[in-house]
Amino acid sequence: MAPDPAAAAKGAFLFAIPEQSGSFGALLVITSLIGAVGGSIGNLLYPYFIQQKGWQGPRFRRVQLYDLAFGTAVLVIINLSVWTIGAELLHPRGITIESLDDLANLLTLTLGTLGGPIFYLGVFAALYSSVIGSAVGFGYLLSDVARVCSSKEPTHARRIDVGRSRMYRVVAAWCLFSPLIWSLPGMPSFIALTLVANAAAVVVLPILCGGLWYMTARTSFIGSAYRNRWWENSVLAGLFILSVWGAYQSVVAIAHYM
């Protein structure tokens, strides 16, 4: 069956929510995708990573934009690939995804016997890099928060030395070892945990979007040369409204699932 352009446009621009198909509600899946692609509190970690790379100051603005554009493009390609596989293989066969084994079987249908091992290697690589990146990033973030809160004078952005930071070590250890709790018997499945965690991340999007809008609209924060133009403020206003809508829908979806 060929794709239906009218149905695709309706789903993309009219916020039409499909009926539930499988174990998870459509609204939970939608808000989870927003959390995975649109962003979460993890967006606040990016400035610390570029600080460690030495990309500070206006002269590095272009390379920062290229870096963000590349990361965003990779996410878009991965998500479109997953959606395409779901539409082409899962939906016609009436297959639903409820566990990691179901995802591995999906790749086995597509790639043959090598599909399963390739998938599990990809899951390991994604989890390994994500856990380590989160541990390092949140260690930087909370160390900086502690530094700013304890300082009695105005502070400025600078490269953080965490070599002697107790806060950094505690946060990094927590991020590395606390996920092991979810491997205990009786805990939610990997799929359920991923959906709920990503949907919960959408709750903070209004704070992130509103804070970004506020800082980039004020000369005192970003300078007159880089302050938002009227059309940039209009785009951010629209994104802020969408973030509020997404946060509300995520709360509703999680409450319904629980």
Protein backbone atom coordinates (compact mmCIF):
# COMPACT_ATOMS: atom_id res chain seq x y z
CA MET A 1 0.00 0.00 0.00
CA ALA A 2 1.38 3.41 -0.99
CA PRO A 3 1.79 6.18 1.62
CA ASP A 4 -1.20 8.48 2.13
CA PRO A 5 0.09 12.11 1.89
CA ALA A 6 -3.17 13.55 3.25
CA ALA A 7 -3.07 11.32 6.33
CA ALA A 8 0.61 12.13 6.88
CA ALA A 9 -0.05 15.87 6.68
CA LYS A 10 -3.02 15.55 9.06
CA GLY A 11 -0.92 13.73 11.63
CA ALA A 12 1.99 16.16 11.31
CA PHE A 13 0.17 19.50 11.35
CA LEU A 14 -3.27 18.96 12.91
CA PHE A 15 -2.08 17.12 16.04
CA ALA A 16 -4.31 14.15 15.25
CA ILE A 17 -3.68 11.35 17.75
CA PRO A 18 -4.10 7.81 16.34
CA GLU A 19 -5.94 5.07 18.14
CA GLN A 20 -4.03 2.80 20.50
CA SER A 21 -2.36 -0.17 18.85
CA GLY A 22 -0.44 -2.43 21.22
CA SER A 23 0.32 -2.27 24.91
CA PHE A 24 1.04 1.47 25.11
CA GLY A 25 -1.25 4.40 24.51
CA ALA A 26 -0.62 6.55 21.45
CA LEU A 27 -0.31 9.70 23.59
CA LEU A 28 2.43 8.11 25.72
CA VAL A 29 4.35 7.12 22.59
CA ILE A 30 3.98 10.61 21.08
CA THR A 31 5.16 12.44 24.20
CA SER A 32 8.01 9.94 24.57
CA LEU A 33 9.15 10.76 21.03
CA ILE A 34 9.00 14.47 21.87
CA GLY A 35 11.16 13.84 24.92
CA ALA A 36 13.66 11.75 22.95
CA VAL A 37 13.96 14.13 19.99
CA GLY A 38 12.80 17.52 21.27
CA GLY A 39 15.02 17.60 24.30
CA SER A 40 15.14 17.24 28.06
CA ILE A 41 17.09 18.54 31.03
CA GLY A 42 20.09 16.94 29.32
CA ASN A 43 20.13 19.92 26.93
CA LEU A 44 21.70 21.91 29.75
CA LEU A 45 24.79 19.67 29.59
CA TYR A 46 25.86 20.82 26.13
CA PRO A 47 27.49 24.09 27.31
CA TYR A 48 29.76 22.14 29.66
CA PHE A 49 30.89 19.81 26.90
CA ILE A 50 31.76 22.68 24.57
CA GLN A 51 33.60 24.38 27.45
CA GLN A 52 35.78 21.32 27.81
CA LYS A 53 36.49 21.41 24.06
CA GLY A 54 37.52 25.07 24.35
CA TRP A 55 34.68 26.32 22.12
CA GLN A 56 34.05 29.53 24.05
CA GLY A 57 33.36 32.96 22.65
CA PRO A 58 31.72 34.34 19.50
CA ARG A 59 34.46 33.03 17.21
CA PHE A 60 33.31 29.46 17.92
CA ARG A 61 29.65 30.16 17.23
CA ARG A 62 29.77 28.75 13.70
CA VAL A 63 31.37 25.44 14.73
CA GLN A 64 28.82 25.14 17.56
CA LEU A 65 26.00 25.57 15.04
CA TYR A 66 27.54 22.92 12.78
CA ASP A 67 27.92 20.56 15.73
CA LEU A 68 24.29 21.02 16.81
CA ALA A 69 23.03 20.70 13.23
CA PHE A 70 24.92 17.43 12.75
CA GLY A 71 23.60 15.96 16.00
CA THR A 72 20.03 17.01 15.15
CA ALA A 73 20.28 15.59 11.62
CA VAL A 74 21.47 12.21 12.96
CA LEU A 75 18.51 12.07 15.36
CA VAL A 76 16.06 12.91 12.59
CA ILE A 77 17.49 10.23 10.28
CA ILE A 78 17.39 7.57 13.01
CA ASN A 79 13.81 8.39 13.97
CA LEU A 80 12.59 8.48 10.38
CA SER A 81 14.26 5.11 9.81
CA VAL A 82 12.50 3.58 12.83
CA TRP A 83 9.14 5.05 11.78
CA THR A 84 9.62 3.71 8.24
CA ILE A 85 10.40 0.21 9.52
CA GLY A 86 7.34 0.34 11.77
CA ALA A 87 5.07 1.49 8.95
CA GLU A 88 6.44 -0.95 6.37
CA LEU A 89 6.94 -4.08 8.50
CA LEU A 90 5.12 -3.91 11.82
CA HIS A 91 1.79 -2.35 10.92
CA PRO A 92 0.98 -4.61 7.92
CA ARG A 93 1.77 -7.72 9.99
CA GLY A 94 -0.04 -6.52 13.12
CA ILE A 95 3.16 -6.84 15.18
CA THR A 96 3.60 -4.80 18.36
CA ILE A 97 6.81 -4.02 20.28
CA GLU A 98 6.73 -4.94 23.96
CA SER A 99 10.30 -5.98 24.73
CA LEU A 100 13.88 -5.80 23.48
CA ASP A 101 13.46 -9.24 21.93
CA ASP A 102 10.65 -7.86 19.77
CA LEU A 103 12.97 -5.14 18.48
CA ALA A 104 15.69 -7.69 17.77
CA ASN A 105 13.19 -9.84 15.88
CA LEU A 106 12.21 -6.81 13.84
CA LEU A 107 15.78 -6.36 12.64
CA THR A 108 16.02 -10.11 12.04
CA LEU A 109 13.03 -9.85 9.68
CA THR A 110 14.77 -7.00 7.89
CA LEU A 111 18.43 -8.07 7.81
CA GLY A 112 18.27 -11.82 8.34
CA THR A 113 20.10 -13.79 11.03
CA LEU A 114 22.62 -10.99 11.59
CA GLY A 115 19.86 -8.54 12.49
CA GLY A 116 19.55 -9.65 16.12
CA PRO A 117 23.27 -9.46 17.03
CA ILE A 118 23.61 -6.11 15.24
CA PHE A 119 20.67 -4.75 17.22
CA TYR A 120 22.02 -5.87 20.60
CA LEU A 121 25.44 -4.41 19.82
CA GLY A 122 23.72 -1.13 18.95
CA VAL A 123 21.74 -1.16 22.21
CA PHE A 124 24.94 -1.78 24.18
CA ALA A 125 26.76 1.06 22.40
CA ALA A 126 23.85 3.48 22.89
CA LEU A 127 23.43 2.66 26.58
CA TYR A 128 27.17 2.69 27.26
CA SER A 129 27.74 6.08 25.65
CA SER A 130 24.56 7.59 27.12
CA VAL A 131 25.26 6.51 30.70
CA ILE A 132 28.86 7.74 30.65
CA GLY A 133 27.91 11.00 28.92
CA SER A 134 25.12 11.64 31.41
CA ALA A 135 27.37 10.88 34.39
CA VAL A 136 30.03 13.30 33.20
CA GLY A 137 27.57 15.99 32.08
CA PHE A 138 25.38 16.00 35.18
CA GLY A 139 28.51 15.96 37.31
CA TYR A 140 29.62 19.17 35.60
CA LEU A 141 26.14 20.69 35.84
CA LEU A 142 25.60 20.13 39.56
CA SER A 143 29.20 21.06 40.39
CA ASP A 144 28.63 24.36 38.63
CA VAL A 145 25.30 24.86 40.43
CA ALA A 146 27.07 24.30 43.77
CA ARG A 147 29.81 26.74 42.78
CA VAL A 148 27.36 29.47 41.80
CA CYS A 149 25.17 28.99 44.89
CA SER A 150 28.13 29.06 47.28
CA SER A 151 29.75 32.13 45.71
CA LYS A 152 29.03 35.46 47.37
CA GLU A 153 30.05 37.44 44.29
CA PRO A 154 28.79 37.41 40.68
CA THR A 155 30.14 34.40 38.79
CA HIS A 156 31.05 34.05 35.15
CA ALA A 157 31.11 31.13 32.77
CA ARG A 158 34.44 29.37 32.83
CA ARG A 159 35.94 25.96 32.30
CA ILE A 160 35.19 23.80 35.34
CA ASP A 161 37.96 21.89 37.13
CA VAL A 162 36.27 18.88 38.72
CA GLY A 163 39.44 17.12 39.80
CA ARG A 164 38.81 17.93 43.46
CA SER A 165 35.04 18.28 43.37
CA ARG A 166 33.26 15.94 45.76
CA MET A 167 29.94 16.93 44.21
CA TYR A 168 31.14 15.76 40.79
CA ARG A 169 32.25 12.35 42.11
CA VAL A 170 28.97 11.78 43.99
CA VAL A 171 26.78 12.74 41.03
CA ALA A 172 28.84 10.74 38.53
CA ALA A 173 28.72 7.65 40.76
CA TRP A 174 24.96 7.99 41.20
CA CYS A 175 24.39 8.28 37.45
CA LEU A 176 26.61 5.26 36.77
CA PHE A 177 25.22 2.85 39.36
CA SER A 178 21.62 3.89 40.11
CA PRO A 179 20.30 2.51 36.75
CA LEU A 180 21.22 -0.98 37.97
CA ILE A 181 18.08 -0.83 40.13
CA TRP A 182 16.03 -1.35 36.96
CA SER A 183 17.69 -4.70 36.31
CA LEU A 184 16.16 -6.22 39.45
CA PRO A 185 13.28 -8.72 39.08
CA GLY A 186 9.82 -7.17 38.90
CA MET A 187 10.98 -3.87 37.46
CA PRO A 188 9.33 -2.43 34.30
CA SER A 189 10.52 -3.66 30.94
CA PHE A 190 13.12 -1.75 28.93
CA ILE A 191 10.47 -0.53 26.48
CA ALA A 192 8.09 0.70 29.21
CA LEU A 193 10.91 2.39 31.10
CA THR A 194 12.16 4.15 27.97
CA LEU A 195 8.70 5.42 27.04
CA VAL A 196 7.83 6.70 30.53
CA ALA A 197 11.26 8.25 31.15
CA ASN A 198 11.27 10.09 27.82
CA ALA A 199 7.69 11.27 28.30
CA ALA A 200 8.55 12.54 31.80
CA ALA A 201 11.42 14.57 30.32
CA VAL A 202 8.87 16.65 28.38
CA VAL A 203 7.58 18.14 31.65
CA VAL A 204 10.66 20.38 31.92
CA LEU A 205 10.55 21.58 28.30
CA PRO A 206 8.62 24.81 29.12
CA ILE A 207 11.36 25.74 31.60
CA LEU A 208 14.11 25.07 29.08
CA CYS A 209 12.33 26.76 26.20
CA GLY A 210 11.23 29.75 28.28
CA GLY A 211 14.69 30.17 29.79
CA LEU A 212 16.35 30.01 26.37
CA TRP A 213 13.89 32.54 24.99
CA TYR A 214 14.45 34.91 27.92
CA MET A 215 18.25 34.77 27.73
CA THR A 216 18.51 35.15 23.96
CA ALA A 217 16.05 38.05 23.91
CA ARG A 218 17.98 40.22 26.40
CA THR A 219 21.00 42.30 25.43
CA SER A 220 22.44 42.01 28.94
CA PHE A 221 22.81 38.24 28.50
CA ILE A 222 23.83 37.74 24.88
CA GLY A 223 24.78 41.18 23.56
CA SER A 224 23.09 43.40 20.99
CA ALA A 225 24.79 41.67 18.03
CA TYR A 226 23.29 38.27 18.83
CA ARG A 227 20.00 39.25 20.47
CA ASN A 228 16.89 37.70 18.91
CA ARG A 229 15.30 39.44 15.98
CA TRP A 230 11.52 39.78 15.84
CA TRP A 231 11.06 36.65 13.75
CA GLU A 232 13.30 34.62 16.07
CA ASN A 233 11.19 35.75 19.02
CA SER A 234 8.09 34.69 17.09
CA VAL A 235 9.52 31.22 16.46
CA LEU A 236 10.53 30.82 20.11
CA ALA A 237 7.08 31.98 21.23
CA GLY A 238 5.50 29.26 19.10
CA LEU A 239 7.93 26.66 20.44
CA PHE A 240 7.19 27.75 24.00
CA ILE A 241 3.45 27.25 23.44
CA LEU A 242 4.15 23.80 21.97
CA SER A 243 6.35 22.93 24.95
CA VAL A 244 3.55 23.83 27.38
CA TRP A 245 1.12 21.69 25.39
CA GLY A 246 3.61 18.81 25.33
CA ALA A 247 4.26 19.03 29.08
CA TYR A 248 0.54 18.88 29.83
CA GLN A 249 0.01 15.94 27.48
CA SER A 250 2.96 14.06 28.97
CA VAL A 251 1.51 14.37 32.48
CA VAL A 252 -1.86 13.09 31.21
CA ALA A 253 -0.24 10.19 29.33
CA ILE A 254 1.92 9.07 32.26
CA ALA A 255 -0.98 9.33 34.70
CA HIS A 256 -3.17 7.23 32.38
CA TYR A 257 -0.44 4.60 31.96
CA MET A 258 0.20 4.35 35.71
